[in-house]
Amino acid sequence: MKVNRDLVVNDCIKKFPKTIGVFTKFSIDSCCGGAVPIEAAAKRDGADLDALLAALNKAASE
């Protein structure tokens, strides 16, 4: 499964635990703000969505 913009942050972390570091690096609130899709979290927290998704998919495949 590939990480995509519609996957909820908390679900991504549950399925791919190594992605927690990526969310931290991109300053995505994955604790209290993790119940939203990755796209919404990136917009909310000012992260580049394409770079975030690339980094998440890299971490998820490791």
PDB file of N, CA and C in Angstrom:
ATOM      1  N   MET A   1       0.840  -1.193   0.000  1.00  0.00           N
ATOM      2  CA  MET A   1       0.000   0.000   0.000  1.00  0.00           C
ATOM      3  C   MET A   1       0.878   1.248   0.000  1.00  0.00           C
ATOM      4  N   LYS A   2       0.497   2.181  -0.796  1.00  0.00           N
ATOM      5  CA  LYS A   2       1.221   3.434  -0.883  1.00  0.00           C
ATOM      6  C   LYS A   2       0.532   4.484  -0.008  1.00  0.00           C
ATOM      7  N   VAL A   3       1.351   5.308   0.639  1.00  0.00           N
ATOM      8  CA  VAL A   3       0.806   6.403   1.444  1.00  0.00           C
ATOM      9  C   VAL A   3       0.290   7.465   0.479  1.00  0.00           C
ATOM     10  N   ASN A   4      -0.943   7.923   0.694  1.00  0.00           N
ATOM     11  CA  ASN A   4      -1.503   8.955  -0.178  1.00  0.00           C
ATOM     12  C   ASN A   4      -2.104  10.080   0.655  1.00  0.00           C
ATOM     13  N   ARG A   5      -2.467  11.145  -0.013  1.00  0.00           N
ATOM     14  CA  ARG A   5      -2.946  12.365   0.644  1.00  0.00           C
ATOM     15  C   ARG A   5      -4.224  12.171   1.445  1.00  0.00           C
ATOM     16  N   ASP A   6      -4.993  11.129   1.147  1.00  0.00           N
ATOM     17  CA  ASP A   6      -6.266  10.894   1.824  1.00  0.00           C
ATOM     18  C   ASP A   6      -6.147  10.035   3.083  1.00  0.00           C
ATOM     19  N   LEU A   7      -4.990   9.420   3.279  1.00  0.00           N
ATOM     20  CA  LEU A   7      -4.787   8.571   4.447  1.00  0.00           C
ATOM     21  C   LEU A   7      -4.718   9.454   5.703  1.00  0.00           C
ATOM     22  N   VAL A   8      -5.436   9.056   6.736  1.00  0.00           N
ATOM     23  CA  VAL A   8      -5.440   9.811   7.995  1.00  0.00           C
ATOM     24  C   VAL A   8      -4.074   9.642   8.671  1.00  0.00           C
ATOM     25  N   VAL A   9      -3.553  10.721   9.222  1.00  0.00           N
ATOM     26  CA  VAL A   9      -2.222  10.728   9.837  1.00  0.00           C
ATOM     27  C   VAL A   9      -2.078   9.586  10.844  1.00  0.00           C
ATOM     28  N   ASN A  10      -3.014   9.450  11.775  1.00  0.00           N
ATOM     29  CA  ASN A  10      -2.920   8.401  12.793  1.00  0.00           C
ATOM     30  C   ASN A  10      -2.940   7.001  12.182  1.00  0.00           C
ATOM     31  N   ASP A  11      -3.719   6.811  11.122  1.00  0.00           N
ATOM     32  CA  ASP A  11      -3.767   5.507  10.457  1.00  0.00           C
ATOM     33  C   ASP A  11      -2.439   5.206   9.770  1.00  0.00           C
ATOM     34  N   CYS A  12      -1.840   6.220   9.203  1.00  0.00           N
ATOM     35  CA  CYS A  12      -0.541   6.058   8.552  1.00  0.00           C
ATOM     36  C   CYS A  12       0.494   5.594   9.571  1.00  0.00           C
ATOM     37  N   ILE A  13       0.503   6.227  10.727  1.00  0.00           N
ATOM     38  CA  ILE A  13       1.470   5.869  11.768  1.00  0.00           C
ATOM     39  C   ILE A  13       1.228   4.448  12.284  1.00  0.00           C
ATOM     40  N   LYS A  14      -0.036   4.061  12.405  1.00  0.00           N
ATOM     41  CA  LYS A  14      -0.355   2.700  12.857  1.00  0.00           C
ATOM     42  C   LYS A  14       0.120   1.665  11.845  1.00  0.00           C
ATOM     43  N   LYS A  15      -0.104   1.927  10.562  1.00  0.00           N
ATOM     44  CA  LYS A  15       0.281   0.977   9.509  1.00  0.00           C
ATOM     45  C   LYS A  15       1.777   0.996   9.241  1.00  0.00           C
ATOM     46  N   PHE A  16       2.382   2.173   9.353  1.00  0.00           N
ATOM     47  CA  PHE A  16       3.796   2.349   9.039  1.00  0.00           C
ATOM     48  C   PHE A  16       4.476   3.126  10.172  1.00  0.00           C
ATOM     49  N   PRO A  17       4.838   2.456  11.263  1.00  0.00           N
ATOM     50  CA  PRO A  17       5.397   3.145  12.430  1.00  0.00           C
ATOM     51  C   PRO A  17       6.627   4.018  12.119  1.00  0.00           C
ATOM     52  N   LYS A  18       7.387   3.668  11.099  1.00  0.00           N
ATOM     53  CA  LYS A  18       8.581   4.452  10.774  1.00  0.00           C
ATOM     54  C   LYS A  18       8.245   5.843  10.243  1.00  0.00           C
ATOM     55  N   THR A  19       6.976   6.100   9.935  1.00  0.00           N
ATOM     56  CA  THR A  19       6.613   7.413   9.400  1.00  0.00           C
ATOM     57  C   THR A  19       6.505   8.480  10.484  1.00  0.00           C
ATOM     58  N   ILE A  20       6.495   8.099  11.748  1.00  0.00           N
ATOM     59  CA  ILE A  20       6.368   9.091  12.816  1.00  0.00           C
ATOM     60  C   ILE A  20       7.494  10.120  12.748  1.00  0.00           C
ATOM     61  N   GLY A  21       8.686   9.673  12.431  1.00  0.00           N
ATOM     62  CA  GLY A  21       9.816  10.588  12.314  1.00  0.00           C
ATOM     63  C   GLY A  21       9.662  11.575  11.170  1.00  0.00           C
ATOM     64  N   VAL A  22       9.015  11.140  10.105  1.00  0.00           N
ATOM     65  CA  VAL A  22       8.780  12.019   8.949  1.00  0.00           C
ATOM     66  C   VAL A  22       7.790  13.115   9.345  1.00  0.00           C
ATOM     67  N   PHE A  23       6.726  12.741  10.020  1.00  0.00           N
ATOM     68  CA  PHE A  23       5.761  13.749  10.461  1.00  0.00           C
ATOM     69  C   PHE A  23       6.442  14.767  11.385  1.00  0.00           C
ATOM     70  N   THR A  24       7.296  14.284  12.259  1.00  0.00           N
ATOM     71  CA  THR A  24       8.025  15.182  13.161  1.00  0.00           C
ATOM     72  C   THR A  24       8.935  16.124  12.373  1.00  0.00           C
ATOM     73  N   LYS A  25       9.657  15.569  11.410  1.00  0.00           N
ATOM     74  CA  LYS A  25      10.576  16.383  10.591  1.00  0.00           C
ATOM     75  C   LYS A  25       9.836  17.499   9.854  1.00  0.00           C
ATOM     76  N   PHE A  26       8.624  17.214   9.399  1.00  0.00           N
ATOM     77  CA  PHE A  26       7.841  18.194   8.651  1.00  0.00           C
ATOM     78  C   PHE A  26       6.940  19.044   9.554  1.00  0.00           C
ATOM     79  N   SER A  27       7.129  18.914  10.853  1.00  0.00           N
ATOM     80  CA  SER A  27       6.359  19.673  11.855  1.00  0.00           C
ATOM     81  C   SER A  27       4.851  19.445  11.751  1.00  0.00           C
ATOM     82  N   ILE A  28       4.481  18.208  11.451  1.00  0.00           N
ATOM     83  CA  ILE A  28       3.071  17.826  11.400  1.00  0.00           C
ATOM     84  C   ILE A  28       2.661  17.353  12.786  1.00  0.00           C
ATOM     85  N   ASP A  29       1.601  17.931  13.329  1.00  0.00           N
ATOM     86  CA  ASP A  29       1.086  17.527  14.632  1.00  0.00           C
ATOM     87  C   ASP A  29       0.405  16.174  14.484  1.00  0.00           C
ATOM     88  N   SER A  30       1.117  15.119  14.884  1.00  0.00           N
ATOM     89  CA  SER A  30       0.565  13.771  14.750  1.00  0.00           C
ATOM     90  C   SER A  30      -0.021  13.268  16.057  1.00  0.00           C
ATOM     91  N   CYS A  31      -0.025  14.086  17.061  1.00  0.00           N
ATOM     92  CA  CYS A  31      -0.592  13.696  18.351  1.00  0.00           C
ATOM     93  C   CYS A  31      -2.051  14.157  18.418  1.00  0.00           C
ATOM     94  N   CYS A  32      -2.244  15.388  18.808  1.00  0.00           N
ATOM     95  CA  CYS A  32      -3.599  15.933  18.934  1.00  0.00           C
ATOM     96  C   CYS A  32      -4.233  16.230  17.578  1.00  0.00           C
ATOM     97  N   GLY A  33      -3.407  16.467  16.572  1.00  0.00           N
ATOM     98  CA  GLY A  33      -3.932  16.822  15.253  1.00  0.00           C
ATOM     99  C   GLY A  33      -3.867  15.693  14.247  1.00  0.00           C
ATOM    100  N   GLY A  34      -3.738  14.462  14.719  1.00  0.00           N
ATOM    101  CA  GLY A  34      -3.539  13.334  13.827  1.00  0.00           C
ATOM    102  C   GLY A  34      -4.784  12.671  13.285  1.00  0.00           C
ATOM    103  N   ALA A  35      -5.953  13.205  13.576  1.00  0.00           N
ATOM    104  CA  ALA A  35      -7.201  12.573  13.136  1.00  0.00           C
ATOM    105  C   ALA A  35      -7.712  13.153  11.815  1.00  0.00           C
ATOM    106  N   VAL A  36      -6.821  13.732  11.034  1.00  0.00           N
ATOM    107  CA  VAL A  36      -7.197  14.328   9.752  1.00  0.00           C
ATOM    108  C   VAL A  36      -6.369  13.692   8.636  1.00  0.00           C
ATOM    109  N   PRO A  37      -6.840  13.790   7.392  1.00  0.00           N
ATOM    110  CA  PRO A  37      -6.048  13.274   6.270  1.00  0.00           C
ATOM    111  C   PRO A  37      -4.701  14.004   6.168  1.00  0.00           C
ATOM    112  N   ILE A  38      -3.726  13.334   5.601  1.00  0.00           N
ATOM    113  CA  ILE A  38      -2.385  13.898   5.450  1.00  0.00           C
ATOM    114  C   ILE A  38      -2.431  15.229   4.709  1.00  0.00           C
ATOM    115  N   GLU A  39      -3.249  15.335   3.670  1.00  0.00           N
ATOM    116  CA  GLU A  39      -3.334  16.587   2.912  1.00  0.00           C
ATOM    117  C   GLU A  39      -3.785  17.751   3.807  1.00  0.00           C
ATOM    118  N   ALA A  40      -4.796  17.521   4.630  1.00  0.00           N
ATOM    119  CA  ALA A  40      -5.296  18.569   5.525  1.00  0.00           C
ATOM    120  C   ALA A  40      -4.252  18.938   6.577  1.00  0.00           C
ATOM    121  N   ALA A  41      -3.541  17.941   7.093  1.00  0.00           N
ATOM    122  CA  ALA A  41      -2.512  18.203   8.102  1.00  0.00           C
ATOM    123  C   ALA A  41      -1.368  19.018   7.503  1.00  0.00           C
ATOM    124  N   ALA A  42      -0.984  18.700   6.274  1.00  0.00           N
ATOM    125  CA  ALA A  42       0.095  19.436   5.612  1.00  0.00           C
ATOM    126  C   ALA A  42      -0.306  20.887   5.401  1.00  0.00           C
ATOM    127  N   LYS A  43      -1.526  21.092   4.965  1.00  0.00           N
ATOM    128  CA  LYS A  43      -2.015  22.459   4.741  1.00  0.00           C
ATOM    129  C   LYS A  43      -2.071  23.223   6.071  1.00  0.00           C
ATOM    130  N   ARG A  44      -2.602  22.580   7.093  1.00  0.00           N
ATOM    131  CA  ARG A  44      -2.738  23.197   8.410  1.00  0.00           C
ATOM    132  C   ARG A  44      -1.380  23.582   9.006  1.00  0.00           C
ATOM    133  N   ASP A  45      -0.401  22.684   8.847  1.00  0.00           N
ATOM    134  CA  ASP A  45       0.889  22.883   9.497  1.00  0.00           C
ATOM    135  C   ASP A  45       1.962  23.468   8.577  1.00  0.00           C
ATOM    136  N   GLY A  46       1.577  23.826   7.348  1.00  0.00           N
ATOM    137  CA  GLY A  46       2.490  24.513   6.438  1.00  0.00           C
ATOM    138  C   GLY A  46       3.576  23.643   5.827  1.00  0.00           C
ATOM    139  N   ALA A  47       3.288  22.369   5.611  1.00  0.00           N
ATOM    140  CA  ALA A  47       4.270  21.464   5.015  1.00  0.00           C
ATOM    141  C   ALA A  47       4.012  21.309   3.516  1.00  0.00           C
ATOM    142  N   ASP A  48       5.081  21.082   2.759  1.00  0.00           N
ATOM    143  CA  ASP A  48       4.973  20.814   1.324  1.00  0.00           C
ATOM    144  C   ASP A  48       4.423  19.404   1.145  1.00  0.00           C
ATOM    145  N   LEU A  49       3.227  19.294   0.586  1.00  0.00           N
ATOM    146  CA  LEU A  49       2.539  18.002   0.490  1.00  0.00           C
ATOM    147  C   LEU A  49       3.317  16.992  -0.344  1.00  0.00           C
ATOM    148  N   ASP A  50       3.840  17.403  -1.495  1.00  0.00           N
ATOM    149  CA  ASP A  50       4.550  16.460  -2.362  1.00  0.00           C
ATOM    150  C   ASP A  50       5.815  15.924  -1.687  1.00  0.00           C
ATOM    151  N   ALA A  51       6.567  16.811  -1.042  1.00  0.00           N
ATOM    152  CA  ALA A  51       7.784  16.379  -0.341  1.00  0.00           C
ATOM    153  C   ALA A  51       7.429  15.474   0.838  1.00  0.00           C
ATOM    154  N   LEU A  52       6.364  15.816   1.537  1.00  0.00           N
ATOM    155  CA  LEU A  52       5.916  15.002   2.663  1.00  0.00           C
ATOM    156  C   LEU A  52       5.525  13.609   2.206  1.00  0.00           C
ATOM    157  N   LEU A  53       4.721  13.517   1.157  1.00  0.00           N
ATOM    158  CA  LEU A  53       4.295  12.206   0.659  1.00  0.00           C
ATOM    159  C   LEU A  53       5.483  11.373   0.178  1.00  0.00           C
ATOM    160  N   ALA A  54       6.432  12.006  -0.487  1.00  0.00           N
ATOM    161  CA  ALA A  54       7.621  11.283  -0.947  1.00  0.00           C
ATOM    162  C   ALA A  54       8.399  10.711   0.241  1.00  0.00           C
ATOM    163  N   ALA A  55       8.585  11.530   1.273  1.00  0.00           N
ATOM    164  CA  ALA A  55       9.313  11.085   2.456  1.00  0.00           C
ATOM    165  C   ALA A  55       8.539  10.006   3.213  1.00  0.00           C
ATOM    166  N   LEU A  56       7.225  10.134   3.292  1.00  0.00           N
ATOM    167  CA  LEU A  56       6.410   9.125   3.961  1.00  0.00           C
ATOM    168  C   LEU A  56       6.481   7.783   3.236  1.00  0.00           C
ATOM    169  N   ASN A  57       6.388   7.810   1.914  1.00  0.00           N
ATOM    170  CA  ASN A  57       6.450   6.572   1.143  1.00  0.00           C
ATOM    171  C   ASN A  57       7.817   5.923   1.244  1.00  0.00           C
ATOM    172  N   LYS A  58       8.860   6.741   1.295  1.00  0.00           N
ATOM    173  CA  LYS A  58      10.213   6.195   1.458  1.00  0.00           C
ATOM    174  C   LYS A  58      10.312   5.493   2.808  1.00  0.00           C
ATOM    175  N   ALA A  59       9.849   6.139   3.863  1.00  0.00           N
ATOM    176  CA  ALA A  59       9.910   5.546   5.208  1.00  0.00           C
ATOM    177  C   ALA A  59       9.027   4.306   5.300  1.00  0.00           C
ATOM    178  N   ALA A  60       7.870   4.343   4.680  1.00  0.00           N
ATOM    179  CA  ALA A  60       6.943   3.208   4.747  1.00  0.00           C
ATOM    180  C   ALA A  60       7.489   1.974   4.036  1.00  0.00           C
ATOM    181  N   SER A  61       8.337   2.193   3.034  1.00  0.00           N
ATOM    182  CA  SER A  61       8.872   1.059   2.273  1.00  0.00           C
ATOM    183  C   SER A  61      10.134   0.470   2.899  1.00  0.00           C
ATOM    184  N   GLU A  62      10.648   1.107   3.937  1.00  0.00           N
ATOM    185  CA  GLU A  62      11.871   0.607   4.594  1.00  0.00           C
ATOM    186  C   GLU A  62      11.569  -0.506   5.561  1.00  0.00           C
TER     187      GLU A  62
END
